[in-house]
Amino acid sequence: MMNISRTLRVVISRTLLIVSLAFVPFSLFAATPLDINTATAAEFAAVMSGVGEKKAEAIVAFREANGNFESIEQLAQVKGIGDVLLTRNKPLLRVSVEEETSLN
């Protein structure tokens, strides 16, 4: 009787683990972080925890109005993006810096 109870608990806990992993956004497993200078609003909303459609659109609008971001921390200048949200999402983000090429 004890073995059946223990086996049942193991099966239930493993099933719960598998089910919970099924609901984790796929983007959390992405090998390459999201580039905040090229991402679309849809990509921001899909990748960033706590960022929905409105905040994602605000990020893109800020970038269009002010030019490319120079650092991830600069996202905090966007209305609705605070330090906590930024800290939580920082590992999922990156900044590409376009190199200026001079024509000689």
PDB file of N, CA and C in Angstrom:
ATOM      1  N   MET A   1       0.813  -1.183   0.000  1.00  0.00           N
ATOM      2  CA  MET A   1       0.000   0.000   0.000  1.00  0.00           C
ATOM      3  C   MET A   1       0.865   1.259   0.000  1.00  0.00           C
ATOM      4  N   MET A   2       1.956   1.259   0.753  1.00  0.00           N
ATOM      5  CA  MET A   2       2.848   2.406   0.821  1.00  0.00           C
ATOM      6  C   MET A   2       3.505   2.681  -0.531  1.00  0.00           C
ATOM      7  N   ASN A   3       3.910   1.655  -1.233  1.00  0.00           N
ATOM      8  CA  ASN A   3       4.560   1.833  -2.521  1.00  0.00           C
ATOM      9  C   ASN A   3       3.621   2.445  -3.552  1.00  0.00           C
ATOM     10  N   ILE A   4       2.369   2.082  -3.524  1.00  0.00           N
ATOM     11  CA  ILE A   4       1.385   2.634  -4.454  1.00  0.00           C
ATOM     12  C   ILE A   4       1.190   4.120  -4.175  1.00  0.00           C
ATOM     13  N   SER A   5       1.101   4.471  -2.909  1.00  0.00           N
ATOM     14  CA  SER A   5       0.936   5.877  -2.516  1.00  0.00           C
ATOM     15  C   SER A   5       2.137   6.709  -2.943  1.00  0.00           C
ATOM     16  N   ARG A   6       3.319   6.191  -2.716  1.00  0.00           N
ATOM     17  CA  ARG A   6       4.545   6.913  -3.098  1.00  0.00           C
ATOM     18  C   ARG A   6       4.650   7.043  -4.617  1.00  0.00           C
ATOM     19  N   THR A   7       4.356   5.986  -5.327  1.00  0.00           N
ATOM     20  CA  THR A   7       4.392   6.004  -6.783  1.00  0.00           C
ATOM     21  C   THR A   7       3.394   7.011  -7.330  1.00  0.00           C
ATOM     22  N   LEU A   8       2.210   7.043  -6.750  1.00  0.00           N
ATOM     23  CA  LEU A   8       1.187   7.984  -7.176  1.00  0.00           C
ATOM     24  C   LEU A   8       1.645   9.427  -6.967  1.00  0.00           C
ATOM     25  N   ARG A   9       2.276   9.710  -5.829  1.00  0.00           N
ATOM     26  CA  ARG A   9       2.790  11.062  -5.576  1.00  0.00           C
ATOM     27  C   ARG A   9       3.865  11.458  -6.579  1.00  0.00           C
ATOM     28  N   VAL A  10       4.748  10.538  -6.907  1.00  0.00           N
ATOM     29  CA  VAL A  10       5.808  10.818  -7.884  1.00  0.00           C
ATOM     30  C   VAL A  10       5.208  11.097  -9.260  1.00  0.00           C
ATOM     31  N   VAL A  11       4.251  10.296  -9.658  1.00  0.00           N
ATOM     32  CA  VAL A  11       3.610  10.477 -10.961  1.00  0.00           C
ATOM     33  C   VAL A  11       2.898  11.830 -11.014  1.00  0.00           C
ATOM     34  N   ILE A  12       2.179  12.164  -9.960  1.00  0.00           N
ATOM     35  CA  ILE A  12       1.464  13.439  -9.932  1.00  0.00           C
ATOM     36  C   ILE A  12       2.437  14.610  -9.959  1.00  0.00           C
ATOM     37  N   SER A  13       3.504  14.561  -9.182  1.00  0.00           N
ATOM     38  CA  SER A  13       4.457  15.689  -9.158  1.00  0.00           C
ATOM     39  C   SER A  13       5.156  15.858 -10.502  1.00  0.00           C
ATOM     40  N   ARG A  14       5.510  14.761 -11.145  1.00  0.00           N
ATOM     41  CA  ARG A  14       6.155  14.865 -12.464  1.00  0.00           C
ATOM     42  C   ARG A  14       5.174  15.375 -13.514  1.00  0.00           C
ATOM     43  N   THR A  15       3.934  14.955 -13.422  1.00  0.00           N
ATOM     44  CA  THR A  15       2.909  15.434 -14.355  1.00  0.00           C
ATOM     45  C   THR A  15       2.707  16.934 -14.190  1.00  0.00           C
ATOM     46  N   LEU A  16       2.643  17.398 -12.951  1.00  0.00           N
ATOM     47  CA  LEU A  16       2.490  18.830 -12.695  1.00  0.00           C
ATOM     48  C   LEU A  16       3.680  19.622 -13.239  1.00  0.00           C
ATOM     49  N   LEU A  17       4.871  19.082 -13.093  1.00  0.00           N
ATOM     50  CA  LEU A  17       6.064  19.736 -13.621  1.00  0.00           C
ATOM     51  C   LEU A  17       5.986  19.861 -15.142  1.00  0.00           C
ATOM     52  N   ILE A  18       5.608  18.804 -15.801  1.00  0.00           N
ATOM     53  CA  ILE A  18       5.499  18.816 -17.266  1.00  0.00           C
ATOM     54  C   ILE A  18       4.429  19.797 -17.713  1.00  0.00           C
ATOM     55  N   VAL A  19       3.296  19.805 -17.041  1.00  0.00           N
ATOM     56  CA  VAL A  19       2.212  20.710 -17.400  1.00  0.00           C
ATOM     57  C   VAL A  19       2.638  22.159 -17.175  1.00  0.00           C
ATOM     58  N   SER A  20       3.316  22.438 -16.064  1.00  0.00           N
ATOM     59  CA  SER A  20       3.740  23.822 -15.799  1.00  0.00           C
ATOM     60  C   SER A  20       4.763  24.285 -16.821  1.00  0.00           C
ATOM     61  N   LEU A  21       5.651  23.422 -17.261  1.00  0.00           N
ATOM     62  CA  LEU A  21       6.632  23.797 -18.286  1.00  0.00           C
ATOM     63  C   LEU A  21       5.964  24.054 -19.632  1.00  0.00           C
ATOM     64  N   ALA A  22       4.842  23.426 -19.863  1.00  0.00           N
ATOM     65  CA  ALA A  22       4.126  23.627 -21.122  1.00  0.00           C
ATOM     66  C   ALA A  22       3.585  25.042 -21.227  1.00  0.00           C
ATOM     67  N   PHE A  23       3.371  25.706 -20.097  1.00  0.00           N
ATOM     68  CA  PHE A  23       2.815  27.050 -20.107  1.00  0.00           C
ATOM     69  C   PHE A  23       3.871  28.140 -20.007  1.00  0.00           C
ATOM     70  N   VAL A  24       5.140  27.775 -19.929  1.00  0.00           N
ATOM     71  CA  VAL A  24       6.218  28.766 -19.930  1.00  0.00           C
ATOM     72  C   VAL A  24       6.384  29.244 -21.361  1.00  0.00           C
ATOM     73  N   PRO A  25       6.406  30.566 -21.582  1.00  0.00           N
ATOM     74  CA  PRO A  25       6.572  31.056 -22.952  1.00  0.00           C
ATOM     75  C   PRO A  25       7.831  30.479 -23.602  1.00  0.00           C
ATOM     76  N   PHE A  26       7.694  30.080 -24.844  1.00  0.00           N
ATOM     77  CA  PHE A  26       8.810  29.496 -25.570  1.00  0.00           C
ATOM     78  C   PHE A  26       9.987  30.455 -25.629  1.00  0.00           C
ATOM     79  N   SER A  27       9.714  31.747 -25.669  1.00  0.00           N
ATOM     80  CA  SER A  27      10.774  32.743 -25.793  1.00  0.00           C
ATOM     81  C   SER A  27      11.742  32.717 -24.625  1.00  0.00           C
ATOM     82  N   LEU A  28      11.324  32.193 -23.462  1.00  0.00           N
ATOM     83  CA  LEU A  28      12.232  32.120 -22.334  1.00  0.00           C
ATOM     84  C   LEU A  28      13.365  31.138 -22.600  1.00  0.00           C
ATOM     85  N   PHE A  29      13.164  30.252 -23.555  1.00  0.00           N
ATOM     86  CA  PHE A  29      14.180  29.267 -23.872  1.00  0.00           C
ATOM     87  C   PHE A  29      15.003  29.665 -25.096  1.00  0.00           C
ATOM     88  N   ALA A  30      14.762  30.844 -25.602  1.00  0.00           N
ATOM     89  CA  ALA A  30      15.466  31.292 -26.803  1.00  0.00           C
ATOM     90  C   ALA A  30      16.955  31.416 -26.522  1.00  0.00           C
ATOM     91  N   ALA A  31      17.753  31.011 -27.483  1.00  0.00           N
ATOM     92  CA  ALA A  31      19.202  31.057 -27.315  1.00  0.00           C
ATOM     93  C   ALA A  31      19.735  32.479 -27.463  1.00  0.00           C
ATOM     94  N   THR A  32      19.097  33.271 -28.282  1.00  0.00           N
ATOM     95  CA  THR A  32      19.557  34.627 -28.540  1.00  0.00           C
ATOM     96  C   THR A  32      18.608  35.618 -27.901  1.00  0.00           C
ATOM     97  N   PRO A  33      19.122  36.507 -27.045  1.00  0.00           N
ATOM     98  CA  PRO A  33      18.249  37.526 -26.450  1.00  0.00           C
ATOM     99  C   PRO A  33      17.665  38.458 -27.515  1.00  0.00           C
ATOM    100  N   LEU A  34      16.557  39.080 -27.192  1.00  0.00           N
ATOM    101  CA  LEU A  34      15.857  39.987 -28.089  1.00  0.00           C
ATOM    102  C   LEU A  34      16.620  41.302 -28.207  1.00  0.00           C
ATOM    103  N   ASP A  35      16.867  41.729 -29.431  1.00  0.00           N
ATOM    104  CA  ASP A  35      17.558  42.999 -29.684  1.00  0.00           C
ATOM    105  C   ASP A  35      16.541  44.130 -29.581  1.00  0.00           C
ATOM    106  N   ILE A  36      16.713  45.011 -28.600  1.00  0.00           N
ATOM    107  CA  ILE A  36      15.734  46.064 -28.368  1.00  0.00           C
ATOM    108  C   ILE A  36      15.771  47.158 -29.433  1.00  0.00           C
ATOM    109  N   ASN A  37      16.769  47.161 -30.283  1.00  0.00           N
ATOM    110  CA  ASN A  37      16.840  48.151 -31.356  1.00  0.00           C
ATOM    111  C   ASN A  37      16.192  47.688 -32.649  1.00  0.00           C
ATOM    112  N   THR A  38      15.832  46.428 -32.730  1.00  0.00           N
ATOM    113  CA  THR A  38      15.203  45.918 -33.951  1.00  0.00           C
ATOM    114  C   THR A  38      13.883  45.206 -33.691  1.00  0.00           C
ATOM    115  N   ALA A  39      13.554  44.939 -32.433  1.00  0.00           N
ATOM    116  CA  ALA A  39      12.355  44.170 -32.093  1.00  0.00           C
ATOM    117  C   ALA A  39      11.077  44.927 -32.420  1.00  0.00           C
ATOM    118  N   THR A  40      10.075  44.179 -32.811  1.00  0.00           N
ATOM    119  CA  THR A  40       8.749  44.741 -33.050  1.00  0.00           C
ATOM    120  C   THR A  40       7.972  44.751 -31.731  1.00  0.00           C
ATOM    121  N   ALA A  41       6.850  45.454 -31.720  1.00  0.00           N
ATOM    122  CA  ALA A  41       6.005  45.478 -30.529  1.00  0.00           C
ATOM    123  C   ALA A  41       5.537  44.064 -30.177  1.00  0.00           C
ATOM    124  N   ALA A  42       5.203  43.286 -31.176  1.00  0.00           N
ATOM    125  CA  ALA A  42       4.752  41.913 -30.940  1.00  0.00           C
ATOM    126  C   ALA A  42       5.855  41.080 -30.287  1.00  0.00           C
ATOM    127  N   GLU A  43       7.095  41.286 -30.715  1.00  0.00           N
ATOM    128  CA  GLU A  43       8.215  40.540 -30.126  1.00  0.00           C
ATOM    129  C   GLU A  43       8.454  40.965 -28.680  1.00  0.00           C
ATOM    130  N   PHE A  44       8.374  42.268 -28.407  1.00  0.00           N
ATOM    131  CA  PHE A  44       8.530  42.733 -27.021  1.00  0.00           C
ATOM    132  C   PHE A  44       7.465  42.097 -26.129  1.00  0.00           C
ATOM    133  N   ALA A  45       6.226  42.119 -26.588  1.00  0.00           N
ATOM    134  CA  ALA A  45       5.123  41.576 -25.795  1.00  0.00           C
ATOM    135  C   ALA A  45       5.276  40.072 -25.570  1.00  0.00           C
ATOM    136  N   ALA A  46       5.803  39.371 -26.555  1.00  0.00           N
ATOM    137  CA  ALA A  46       5.958  37.920 -26.449  1.00  0.00           C
ATOM    138  C   ALA A  46       7.120  37.520 -25.547  1.00  0.00           C
ATOM    139  N   VAL A  47       8.185  38.311 -25.541  1.00  0.00           N
ATOM    140  CA  VAL A  47       9.396  37.929 -24.823  1.00  0.00           C
ATOM    141  C   VAL A  47       9.460  38.499 -23.413  1.00  0.00           C
ATOM    142  N   MET A  48       9.083  39.740 -23.248  1.00  0.00           N
ATOM    143  CA  MET A  48       9.263  40.406 -21.963  1.00  0.00           C
ATOM    144  C   MET A  48       8.126  40.098 -20.989  1.00  0.00           C
ATOM    145  N   SER A  49       8.485  39.628 -19.826  1.00  0.00           N
ATOM    146  CA  SER A  49       7.517  39.368 -18.764  1.00  0.00           C
ATOM    147  C   SER A  49       6.984  40.692 -18.231  1.00  0.00           C
ATOM    148  N   GLY A  50       5.673  40.831 -18.155  1.00  0.00           N
ATOM    149  CA  GLY A  50       5.057  42.044 -17.646  1.00  0.00           C
ATOM    150  C   GLY A  50       4.865  43.130 -18.679  1.00  0.00           C
ATOM    151  N   VAL A  51       5.171  42.813 -19.935  1.00  0.00           N
ATOM    152  CA  VAL A  51       5.000  43.785 -21.015  1.00  0.00           C
ATOM    153  C   VAL A  51       3.926  43.257 -21.961  1.00  0.00           C
ATOM    154  N   GLY A  52       2.842  44.011 -22.019  1.00  0.00           N
ATOM    155  CA  GLY A  52       1.755  43.674 -22.925  1.00  0.00           C
ATOM    156  C   GLY A  52       1.840  44.520 -24.179  1.00  0.00           C
ATOM    157  N   GLU A  53       0.772  44.520 -24.915  1.00  0.00           N
ATOM    158  CA  GLU A  53       0.740  45.215 -26.201  1.00  0.00           C
ATOM    159  C   GLU A  53       0.990  46.722 -26.049  1.00  0.00           C
ATOM    160  N   LYS A  54       0.356  47.353 -25.058  1.00  0.00           N
ATOM    161  CA  LYS A  54       0.487  48.812 -24.889  1.00  0.00           C
ATOM    162  C   LYS A  54       1.912  49.221 -24.530  1.00  0.00           C
ATOM    163  N   LYS A  55       2.533  48.525 -23.568  1.00  0.00           N
ATOM    164  CA  LYS A  55       3.908  48.864 -23.188  1.00  0.00           C
ATOM    165  C   LYS A  55       4.867  48.566 -24.335  1.00  0.00           C
ATOM    166  N   ALA A  56       4.613  47.487 -25.044  1.00  0.00           N
ATOM    167  CA  ALA A  56       5.472  47.133 -26.177  1.00  0.00           C
ATOM    168  C   ALA A  56       5.397  48.214 -27.251  1.00  0.00           C
ATOM    169  N   GLU A  57       4.200  48.704 -27.513  1.00  0.00           N
ATOM    170  CA  GLU A  57       4.042  49.781 -28.499  1.00  0.00           C
ATOM    171  C   GLU A  57       4.724  51.064 -28.012  1.00  0.00           C
ATOM    172  N   ALA A  58       4.684  51.304 -26.693  1.00  0.00           N
ATOM    173  CA  ALA A  58       5.353  52.483 -26.128  1.00  0.00           C
ATOM    174  C   ALA A  58       6.863  52.385 -26.301  1.00  0.00           C
ATOM    175  N   ILE A  59       7.416  51.191 -26.172  1.00  0.00           N
ATOM    176  CA  ILE A  59       8.863  50.994 -26.363  1.00  0.00           C
ATOM    177  C   ILE A  59       9.244  51.325 -27.807  1.00  0.00           C
ATOM    178  N   VAL A  60       8.478  50.792 -28.750  1.00  0.00           N
ATOM    179  CA  VAL A  60       8.766  51.035 -30.166  1.00  0.00           C
ATOM    180  C   VAL A  60       8.601  52.515 -30.498  1.00  0.00           C
ATOM    181  N   ALA A  61       7.560  53.158 -29.972  1.00  0.00           N
ATOM    182  CA  ALA A  61       7.333  54.583 -30.219  1.00  0.00           C
ATOM    183  C   ALA A  61       8.473  55.423 -29.646  1.00  0.00           C
ATOM    184  N   PHE A  62       8.950  55.062 -28.462  1.00  0.00           N
ATOM    185  CA  PHE A  62      10.079  55.776 -27.845  1.00  0.00           C
ATOM    186  C   PHE A  62      11.319  55.650 -28.724  1.00  0.00           C
ATOM    187  N   ARG A  63      11.565  54.443 -29.201  1.00  0.00           N
ATOM    188  CA  ARG A  63      12.737  54.199 -30.050  1.00  0.00           C
ATOM    189  C   ARG A  63      12.640  54.987 -31.351  1.00  0.00           C
ATOM    190  N   GLU A  64      11.445  55.031 -31.934  1.00  0.00           N
ATOM    191  CA  GLU A  64      11.259  55.781 -33.184  1.00  0.00           C
ATOM    192  C   GLU A  64      11.431  57.285 -32.971  1.00  0.00           C
ATOM    193  N   ALA A  65      11.016  57.782 -31.808  1.00  0.00           N
ATOM    194  CA  ALA A  65      11.101  59.214 -31.518  1.00  0.00           C
ATOM    195  C   ALA A  65      12.496  59.650 -31.090  1.00  0.00           C
ATOM    196  N   ASN A  66      13.236  58.759 -30.428  1.00  0.00           N
ATOM    197  CA  ASN A  66      14.520  59.138 -29.826  1.00  0.00           C
ATOM    198  C   ASN A  66      15.737  58.455 -30.431  1.00  0.00           C
ATOM    199  N   GLY A  67      15.529  57.581 -31.385  1.00  0.00           N
ATOM    200  CA  GLY A  67      16.654  56.844 -31.963  1.00  0.00           C
ATOM    201  C   GLY A  67      16.922  55.561 -31.195  1.00  0.00           C
ATOM    202  N   ASN A  68      17.863  54.810 -31.672  1.00  0.00           N
ATOM    203  CA  ASN A  68      18.183  53.515 -31.067  1.00  0.00           C
ATOM    204  C   ASN A  68      18.629  53.653 -29.621  1.00  0.00           C
ATOM    205  N   PHE A  69      18.370  52.608 -28.864  1.00  0.00           N
ATOM    206  CA  PHE A  69      18.809  52.536 -27.475  1.00  0.00           C
ATOM    207  C   PHE A  69      20.313  52.295 -27.442  1.00  0.00           C
ATOM    208  N   GLU A  70      20.974  52.921 -26.489  1.00  0.00           N
ATOM    209  CA  GLU A  70      22.406  52.700 -26.305  1.00  0.00           C
ATOM    210  C   GLU A  70      22.680  51.665 -25.232  1.00  0.00           C
ATOM    211  N   SER A  71      21.687  51.419 -24.371  1.00  0.00           N
ATOM    212  CA  SER A  71      21.830  50.412 -23.319  1.00  0.00           C
ATOM    213  C   SER A  71      20.449  49.878 -22.953  1.00  0.00           C
ATOM    214  N   ILE A  72      20.433  48.726 -22.335  1.00  0.00           N
ATOM    215  CA  ILE A  72      19.176  48.144 -21.883  1.00  0.00           C
ATOM    216  C   ILE A  72      18.547  49.032 -20.807  1.00  0.00           C
ATOM    217  N   GLU A  73      19.373  49.623 -19.967  1.00  0.00           N
ATOM    218  CA  GLU A  73      18.884  50.481 -18.891  1.00  0.00           C
ATOM    219  C   GLU A  73      18.085  51.672 -19.411  1.00  0.00           C
ATOM    220  N   GLN A  74      18.343  52.079 -20.628  1.00  0.00           N
ATOM    221  CA  GLN A  74      17.638  53.214 -21.224  1.00  0.00           C
ATOM    222  C   GLN A  74      16.144  52.911 -21.403  1.00  0.00           C
ATOM    223  N   LEU A  75      15.770  51.651 -21.398  1.00  0.00           N
ATOM    224  CA  LEU A  75      14.359  51.280 -21.472  1.00  0.00           C
ATOM    225  C   LEU A  75      13.565  51.871 -20.308  1.00  0.00           C
ATOM    226  N   ALA A  76      14.220  52.151 -19.190  1.00  0.00           N
ATOM    227  CA  ALA A  76      13.542  52.709 -18.025  1.00  0.00           C
ATOM    228  C   ALA A  76      12.976  54.104 -18.306  1.00  0.00           C
ATOM    229  N   GLN A  77      13.417  54.735 -19.378  1.00  0.00           N
ATOM    230  CA  GLN A  77      12.895  56.049 -19.757  1.00  0.00           C
ATOM    231  C   GLN A  77      11.523  55.939 -20.432  1.00  0.00           C
ATOM    232  N   VAL A  78      11.141  54.738 -20.802  1.00  0.00           N
ATOM    233  CA  VAL A  78       9.841  54.509 -21.436  1.00  0.00           C
ATOM    234  C   VAL A  78       8.785  54.443 -20.337  1.00  0.00           C
ATOM    235  N   LYS A  79       7.701  55.188 -20.513  1.00  0.00           N
ATOM    236  CA  LYS A  79       6.624  55.194 -19.532  1.00  0.00           C
ATOM    237  C   LYS A  79       6.097  53.780 -19.318  1.00  0.00           C
ATOM    238  N   GLY A  80       6.028  53.375 -18.058  1.00  0.00           N
ATOM    239  CA  GLY A  80       5.520  52.051 -17.713  1.00  0.00           C
ATOM    240  C   GLY A  80       6.597  51.002 -17.533  1.00  0.00           C
ATOM    241  N   ILE A  81       7.836  51.331 -17.845  1.00  0.00           N
ATOM    242  CA  ILE A  81       8.941  50.392 -17.672  1.00  0.00           C
ATOM    243  C   ILE A  81       9.742  50.841 -16.454  1.00  0.00           C
ATOM    244  N   GLY A  82       9.603  50.130 -15.364  1.00  0.00           N
ATOM    245  CA  GLY A  82      10.304  50.476 -14.131  1.00  0.00           C
ATOM    246  C   GLY A  82      11.519  49.598 -13.915  1.00  0.00           C
ATOM    247  N   ASP A  83      12.214  49.883 -12.822  1.00  0.00           N
ATOM    248  CA  ASP A  83      13.440  49.144 -12.507  1.00  0.00           C
ATOM    249  C   ASP A  83      13.188  47.656 -12.269  1.00  0.00           C
ATOM    250  N   VAL A  84      12.099  47.327 -11.594  1.00  0.00           N
ATOM    251  CA  VAL A  84      11.800  45.918 -11.306  1.00  0.00           C
ATOM    252  C   VAL A  84      11.541  45.151 -12.596  1.00  0.00           C
ATOM    253  N   LEU A  85      10.721  45.721 -13.457  1.00  0.00           N
ATOM    254  CA  LEU A  85      10.404  45.079 -14.731  1.00  0.00           C
ATOM    255  C   LEU A  85      11.674  44.936 -15.578  1.00  0.00           C
ATOM    256  N   LEU A  86      12.495  45.958 -15.552  1.00  0.00           N
ATOM    257  CA  LEU A  86      13.738  45.942 -16.324  1.00  0.00           C
ATOM    258  C   LEU A  86      14.689  44.866 -15.798  1.00  0.00           C
ATOM    259  N   THR A  87      14.835  44.786 -14.489  1.00  0.00           N
ATOM    260  CA  THR A  87      15.721  43.787 -13.882  1.00  0.00           C
ATOM    261  C   THR A  87      15.256  42.372 -14.204  1.00  0.00           C
ATOM    262  N   ARG A  88      13.946  42.157 -14.150  1.00  0.00           N
ATOM    263  CA  ARG A  88      13.381  40.833 -14.421  1.00  0.00           C
ATOM    264  C   ARG A  88      13.642  40.393 -15.862  1.00  0.00           C
ATOM    265  N   ASN A  89      13.640  41.338 -16.792  1.00  0.00           N
ATOM    266  CA  ASN A  89      13.743  41.006 -18.215  1.00  0.00           C
ATOM    267  C   ASN A  89      15.137  41.168 -18.810  1.00  0.00           C
ATOM    268  N   LYS A  90      16.049  41.761 -18.070  1.00  0.00           N
ATOM    269  CA  LYS A  90      17.382  42.062 -18.605  1.00  0.00           C
ATOM    270  C   LYS A  90      18.081  40.858 -19.249  1.00  0.00           C
ATOM    271  N   PRO A  91      18.015  39.662 -18.666  1.00  0.00           N
ATOM    272  CA  PRO A  91      18.683  38.513 -19.307  1.00  0.00           C
ATOM    273  C   PRO A  91      18.098  38.132 -20.666  1.00  0.00           C
ATOM    274  N   LEU A  92      16.889  38.594 -20.953  1.00  0.00           N
ATOM    275  CA  LEU A  92      16.218  38.239 -22.205  1.00  0.00           C
ATOM    276  C   LEU A  92      16.482  39.247 -23.318  1.00  0.00           C
ATOM    277  N   LEU A  93      17.223  40.326 -22.985  1.00  0.00           N
ATOM    278  CA  LEU A  93      17.391  41.435 -23.913  1.00  0.00           C
ATOM    279  C   LEU A  93      18.849  41.692 -24.243  1.00  0.00           C
ATOM    280  N   ARG A  94      19.052  42.338 -25.382  1.00  0.00           N
ATOM    281  CA  ARG A  94      20.390  42.787 -25.767  1.00  0.00           C
ATOM    282  C   ARG A  94      20.243  44.053 -26.590  1.00  0.00           C
ATOM    283  N   VAL A  95      21.355  44.761 -26.757  1.00  0.00           N
ATOM    284  CA  VAL A  95      21.371  45.990 -27.548  1.00  0.00           C
ATOM    285  C   VAL A  95      22.395  45.825 -28.655  1.00  0.00           C
ATOM    286  N   SER A  96      21.953  45.991 -29.891  1.00  0.00           N
ATOM    287  CA  SER A  96      22.913  45.991 -30.991  1.00  0.00           C
ATOM    288  C   SER A  96      23.317  47.429 -31.235  1.00  0.00           C
ATOM    289  N   VAL A  97      24.564  47.633 -31.423  1.00  0.00           N
ATOM    290  CA  VAL A  97      25.065  48.972 -31.712  1.00  0.00           C
ATOM    291  C   VAL A  97      25.553  48.958 -33.146  1.00  0.00           C
ATOM    292  N   GLU A  98      24.911  49.795 -33.958  1.00  0.00           N
ATOM    293  CA  GLU A  98      25.321  49.869 -35.357  1.00  0.00           C
ATOM    294  C   GLU A  98      26.629  50.634 -35.449  1.00  0.00           C
ATOM    295  N   GLU A  99      27.565  50.035 -36.110  1.00  0.00           N
ATOM    296  CA  GLU A  99      28.842  50.714 -36.309  1.00  0.00           C
ATOM    297  C   GLU A  99      28.721  51.648 -37.482  1.00  0.00           C
ATOM    298  N   GLU A 100      29.211  52.845 -37.272  1.00  0.00           N
ATOM    299  CA  GLU A 100      29.198  53.804 -38.378  1.00  0.00           C
ATOM    300  C   GLU A 100      30.398  53.523 -39.265  1.00  0.00           C
ATOM    301  N   THR A 101      30.119  53.440 -40.533  1.00  0.00           N
ATOM    302  CA  THR A 101      31.216  53.214 -41.475  1.00  0.00           C
ATOM    303  C   THR A 101      31.479  54.519 -42.206  1.00  0.00           C
ATOM    304  N   SER A 102      32.735  54.840 -42.278  1.00  0.00           N
ATOM    305  CA  SER A 102      33.084  56.068 -42.965  1.00  0.00           C
ATOM    306  C   SER A 102      33.426  55.762 -44.416  1.00  0.00           C
ATOM    307  N   LEU A 103      32.978  56.630 -45.262  1.00  0.00           N
ATOM    308  CA  LEU A 103      33.252  56.467 -46.680  1.00  0.00           C
ATOM    309  C   LEU A 103      34.451  57.352 -47.040  1.00  0.00           C
ATOM    310  N   ASN A 104      35.524  56.737 -47.390  1.00  0.00           N
ATOM    311  CA  ASN A 104      36.749  57.498 -47.752  1.00  0.00           C
ATOM    312  C   ASN A 104      36.907  57.524 -49.235  1.00  0.00           C
TER     313      ASN A 104
END
